[in-house]
Protein backbone atom coordinates (compact mmCIF):
# COMPACT_ATOMS: atom_id res chain seq x y z
CA MET A 1 92.26 105.55 79.70
CA ALA A 2 94.80 104.23 82.19
CA SER A 3 97.03 106.69 83.98
CA PRO A 4 100.66 107.06 82.81
CA SER A 5 101.84 105.80 86.21
CA LEU A 6 99.78 102.62 85.89
CA LEU A 7 100.98 102.07 82.32
CA ASN A 8 104.61 102.57 83.39
CA THR A 9 104.18 100.07 86.23
CA PHE A 10 102.60 97.54 83.85
CA PHE A 11 105.42 98.00 81.30
CA ILE A 12 108.17 97.63 83.90
CA LEU A 13 106.49 94.56 85.41
CA SER A 14 106.01 92.95 81.98
CA ALA A 15 109.59 93.65 80.92
CA THR A 16 110.98 92.31 84.20
CA LEU A 17 108.92 89.12 83.99
CA ALA A 18 109.97 88.60 80.37
CA LEU A 19 113.62 88.79 81.42
CA LEU A 20 113.23 86.58 84.48
CA ALA A 21 110.90 83.85 83.26
CA PRO A 22 113.45 81.65 81.45
CA SER A 23 115.64 81.31 84.53
CA PHE A 24 112.79 79.74 86.49
CA ALA A 25 111.77 77.19 83.87
CA ASN A 26 114.18 74.54 85.19
CA ASN A 27 112.49 73.95 88.55
CA ILE A 28 108.77 74.40 87.74
CA LEU A 29 106.25 72.22 85.93
CA TYR A 30 103.00 74.01 85.04
CA SER A 31 99.48 72.65 84.49
CA GLY A 32 99.35 70.93 81.11
CA GLU A 33 103.11 70.27 81.03
CA PHE A 34 104.90 66.93 81.13
CA LEU A 35 108.21 65.37 82.11
CA TYR A 36 109.12 62.49 79.82
CA GLY A 37 111.65 59.74 80.53
CA GLY A 38 115.07 61.28 81.14
CA GLN A 39 113.74 64.80 81.79
CA SER A 40 114.14 66.60 85.12
CA LEU A 41 113.33 69.65 87.16
CA THR A 42 116.54 71.06 88.63
CA GLU A 43 117.38 73.42 91.47
CA GLY A 44 121.02 73.67 92.43
CA SER A 45 122.27 70.16 93.26
CA TYR A 46 118.72 68.75 93.39
CA THR A 47 116.97 66.99 90.51
CA PHE A 48 113.44 65.65 90.25
CA THR A 49 113.72 63.14 87.42
CA MET A 50 111.19 61.12 85.44
CA GLN A 51 113.45 58.18 84.68
CA THR A 52 113.20 56.04 81.56
CA ASP A 53 112.37 53.05 83.82
CA CYS A 54 109.12 54.86 84.87
CA ASN A 55 110.39 55.76 88.36
CA LEU A 56 110.06 59.39 89.48
CA VAL A 57 113.04 60.15 91.72
CA LEU A 58 114.25 63.14 93.74
CA TYR A 59 118.05 63.30 93.90
CA ASP A 60 120.35 65.33 96.14
CA ASN A 61 123.84 65.44 94.59
CA GLY A 62 123.08 62.22 92.71
CA ARG A 63 121.80 60.38 95.80
CA ALA A 64 118.15 59.25 95.63
CA ILE A 65 116.16 60.57 98.61
CA TRP A 66 112.57 59.95 97.40
CA ALA A 67 111.00 57.76 94.71
CA SER A 68 107.52 57.00 93.40
CA GLN A 69 108.27 53.24 93.56
CA THR A 70 107.11 52.80 89.95
CA TYR A 71 110.37 51.26 88.71
CA GLN A 72 109.67 49.14 85.61
CA LYS A 73 105.89 49.17 86.17
CA GLY A 74 105.30 50.49 82.66
CA GLU A 75 106.96 51.64 79.44
CA ASN A 76 107.68 55.11 78.05
CA CYS A 77 106.10 56.69 81.12
CA TYR A 78 105.62 60.39 81.65
CA LEU A 79 104.72 62.75 84.49
CA SER A 80 101.74 65.05 83.94
CA MET A 81 100.82 68.17 85.95
CA GLN A 82 97.10 68.18 85.31
CA ASP A 83 94.78 71.19 85.49
CA ASP A 84 92.71 69.41 88.15
CA GLY A 85 95.69 69.66 90.55
CA ASN A 86 96.75 66.03 90.29
CA LEU A 87 100.37 65.10 89.54
CA VAL A 88 100.27 61.75 87.72
CA ILE A 89 102.66 59.21 86.20
CA TYR A 90 101.09 57.54 83.15
CA ASP A 91 102.30 54.70 80.98
CA PHE A 92 102.81 55.38 77.26
CA THR A 93 99.10 54.89 76.47
CA GLY A 94 98.12 57.74 78.77
CA THR A 95 95.38 55.60 80.29
CA GLU A 96 97.13 53.54 82.97
CA VAL A 97 97.97 55.52 86.11
CA LEU A 98 101.12 54.20 87.79
CA TRP A 99 101.32 56.83 90.54
CA SER A 100 99.35 59.89 91.60
CA SER A 101 99.64 62.66 94.18
CA ASN A 102 95.88 62.21 94.78
CA THR A 103 95.37 65.97 94.89
CA GLN A 104 92.74 66.27 92.17
CA ARG A 105 89.89 68.74 92.54
CA SER A 106 86.50 68.89 90.91
CA THR A 107 87.28 72.27 89.35
CA ARG A 108 90.05 73.13 86.92
CA GLY A 109 92.76 75.63 87.78
CA ASN A 110 96.35 76.72 87.32
CA PHE A 111 98.72 74.51 89.28
CA VAL A 112 102.50 74.21 89.46
CA VAL A 113 104.87 71.71 90.98
CA VAL A 114 108.06 73.39 92.20
CA LEU A 115 111.40 71.86 93.16
CA GLN A 116 112.37 74.37 95.83
CA ARG A 117 115.76 75.52 97.07
CA ASP A 118 115.11 73.67 100.34
CA ARG A 119 114.96 70.34 98.41
CA ASN A 120 111.20 70.04 98.90
CA VAL A 121 108.94 69.35 95.92
CA VAL A 122 105.66 71.20 96.42
CA LEU A 123 102.44 71.40 94.41
CA TYR A 124 100.85 74.87 94.43
CA GLY A 125 97.50 75.98 93.07
CA PRO A 126 94.38 78.02 93.67
CA SER A 127 93.59 78.62 97.30
CA LEU A 128 91.05 76.31 98.91
CA TRP A 129 89.56 78.91 101.22
CA ALA A 130 89.90 82.62 101.89
CA THR A 131 88.18 85.24 104.02
CA GLU A 132 87.73 87.26 100.82
CA THR A 133 88.55 90.42 102.72
CA ASN A 134 91.10 91.59 100.19
CA HIS A 135 90.86 95.27 99.33
CA VAL A 136 90.00 95.96 95.69
CA GLY A 137 91.89 98.83 94.13
CA THR A 138 95.21 99.75 92.65
CA THR A 139 98.61 99.75 94.23
CA ASN A 140 102.20 100.35 93.21
CA VAL A 141 104.29 97.28 92.44
CA THR A 142 108.03 97.11 93.06
CA ILE A 143 110.10 94.12 91.97
CA ALA A 144 113.64 93.76 93.25
CA HIS A 145 116.24 93.08 90.57
CA ASN A 146 118.17 90.54 92.64
CA PHE A 147 115.56 88.22 94.13
CA THR A 148 116.07 84.49 93.73
CA ALA A 149 112.65 83.04 94.62
CA PRO A 150 110.62 81.63 91.73
CA LEU A 151 107.66 83.66 90.50
CA VAL A 152 104.45 81.79 89.87
CA ILE A 153 101.94 83.42 87.54
CA ALA A 154 98.42 82.03 87.68
CA GLY A 155 95.79 83.89 85.68
CA ASP A 156 96.00 87.50 86.71
CA LYS A 157 97.67 86.83 90.06
CA ILE A 158 101.40 86.88 90.68
CA SER A 159 102.85 85.04 93.67
CA MET A 160 106.41 84.71 94.86
CA VAL A 161 107.30 81.35 96.32
CA THR A 162 109.72 81.88 99.19
CA ASP A 163 111.24 79.95 102.03
CA HIS A 164 109.88 81.64 105.15
CA ASN A 165 112.63 80.09 107.26
CA GLU A 166 115.41 82.00 105.51
CA LYS A 167 117.13 84.88 107.29
């Protein structure tokens, strides 16, 4: 049986994540999720929009700063975050690829694309390499009530995406 301290930590972590999760849904697209024409990821004044004309565009205060260059190359297009790590724009049939991040892997995993506070759109997923020197065991977990970085939950791992340049 788990110790009361471990159960308390698990309960507090679960309750905190349940309260926080909805606020992060606007700037993250998870594996198996889609953006359809007219839908966007948003973070402050930034939007990453799958337009109805099939162009994927990153806007800063309404000004386009990046685009997939797929304007009118298909119909009823959608953006797919695939579980192979590839971010893809498909036409309505789901068979014609109009644009791809070309980040696919041979193995499946949990991936997310995040519109960050620094205006960068980044695709995160399982690590490619590690020393595997992590220490197995238990540890206490503390989550601040006022953090603003998005949490990314992949399997049984929890990561916090932060801007390391902030002061």
